[in-house]
Every structure is written in C-alpha cells, then in structure tokens.
C-alpha atoms as a PDB file:
ATOM      1  CA  MET A   1       6.769  -1.978  40.499  1.00  0.00           C
ATOM      2  CA  ALA A   2       9.749  -1.445  42.817  1.00  0.00           C
ATOM      3  CA  TRP A   3      10.426   1.965  41.247  1.00  0.00           C
ATOM      4  CA  LEU A   4       6.822   2.976  41.838  1.00  0.00           C
ATOM      5  CA  CYS A   5       6.983   2.002  45.517  1.00  0.00           C
ATOM      6  CA  GLY A   6      10.325   3.765  45.932  1.00  0.00           C
ATOM      7  CA  GLY A   7       8.921   6.881  44.288  1.00  0.00           C
ATOM      8  CA  LEU A   8       5.903   6.886  46.590  1.00  0.00           C
ATOM      9  CA  VAL A   9       8.094   6.543  49.685  1.00  0.00           C
ATOM     10  CA  ALA A  10      10.441   9.299  48.494  1.00  0.00           C
ATOM     11  CA  GLY A  11       7.468  11.556  47.719  1.00  0.00           C
ATOM     12  CA  HIS A  12       5.996  11.053  51.177  1.00  0.00           C
ATOM     13  CA  VAL A  13       9.341  11.830  52.822  1.00  0.00           C
ATOM     14  CA  LEU A  14       9.752  15.013  50.784  1.00  0.00           C
ATOM     15  CA  VAL A  15       6.231  16.217  51.558  1.00  0.00           C
ATOM     16  CA  ALA A  16       6.679  15.456  55.281  1.00  0.00           C
ATOM     17  CA  LEU A  17       9.920  17.487  55.302  1.00  0.00           C
ATOM     18  CA  LYS A  18       8.156  20.325  53.468  1.00  0.00           C
ATOM     19  CA  HIS A  19       5.473  20.411  56.168  1.00  0.00           C
ATOM     20  CA  HIS A  20       8.138  20.423  58.884  1.00  0.00           C
ATOM     21  CA  TYR A  21      10.575  23.014  57.498  1.00  0.00           C
ATOM     22  CA  ILE A  22       8.487  25.239  55.208  1.00  0.00           C
ATOM     23  CA  ASP A  23       4.911  25.115  56.518  1.00  0.00           C
ATOM     24  CA  ARG A  24       5.953  24.543  60.164  1.00  0.00           C
ATOM     25  CA  ASP A  25       2.548  23.059  60.947  1.00  0.00           C
ATOM     26  CA  GLY A  26       3.567  20.161  63.207  1.00  0.00           C
ATOM     27  CA  VAL A  27       2.454  17.363  60.871  1.00  0.00           C
ATOM     28  CA  LEU A  28       5.791  15.554  61.022  1.00  0.00           C
ATOM     29  CA  THR A  29       6.050  15.715  64.809  1.00  0.00           C
ATOM     30  CA  ARG A  30       2.502  14.325  65.145  1.00  0.00           C
ATOM     31  CA  MET A  31       3.423  11.356  62.935  1.00  0.00           C
ATOM     32  CA  LEU A  32       6.554  10.441  64.892  1.00  0.00           C
ATOM     33  CA  PRO A  33       6.270   8.220  67.973  1.00  0.00           C
ATOM     34  CA  ARG A  34       6.468   9.986  71.314  1.00  0.00           C
ATOM     35  CA  ARG A  35       9.501   9.605  73.559  1.00  0.00           C
ATOM     36  CA  GLU A  36       9.238   7.889  76.911  1.00  0.00           C
ATOM     37  CA  ARG A  37       8.595  10.403  79.681  1.00  0.00           C
ATOM     38  CA  HIS A  38      10.455  10.463  82.965  1.00  0.00           C
ATOM     39  CA  ALA A  39       8.604   9.301  86.046  1.00  0.00           C
ATOM     40  CA  GLY A  40       6.845  12.103  87.865  1.00  0.00           C
ATOM     41  CA  THR A  41       6.102  14.282  84.854  1.00  0.00           C
ATOM     42  CA  THR A  42       2.612  14.841  83.598  1.00  0.00           C
ATOM     43  CA  PRO A  43       1.938  13.898  79.975  1.00  0.00           C
ATOM     44  CA  ARG A  44       0.956  16.691  77.614  1.00  0.00           C
ATOM     45  CA  LEU A  45      -2.640  16.587  76.394  1.00  0.00           C
ATOM     46  CA  THR A  46      -3.338  16.367  72.694  1.00  0.00           C
ATOM     47  CA  ALA A  47      -5.660  18.895  71.084  1.00  0.00           C
ATOM     48  CA  GLN A  48      -8.422  16.299  70.996  1.00  0.00           C
ATOM     49  CA  GLU A  49      -8.047  15.473  74.703  1.00  0.00           C
ATOM     50  CA  GLU A  50      -8.228  19.163  75.678  1.00  0.00           C
ATOM     51  CA  ARG A  51     -11.784  19.491  74.304  1.00  0.00           C
END
C-alpha cells in the first residue's frame, strides 16, 4: 500500500514538472500558493475574475 501511495505521489510530481517545463501551460504555477504582496501593489486578477 505504501508503494502505491509513493508511486502516485511521484507520478503527480513528474506530470506537474512535465506541464511546467515541456508544455509551459502554467498548471504548476496555478497549483502553488501565491506569495504575499507588498503593501500598495494591486493584486493581479485571475482569468475567471477578468470575465
């Protein structure tokens, strides 16, 4: 069971890196938490908020 869970985690990591470095489609950056912004800057709108 532990090997199965480890394999699933490793597979997800590899696919996320493939999307980031090969496909360059922004999937990995959308999954990561955003950094804190400095005071006085306006937050960037997401694609959904722009509609």
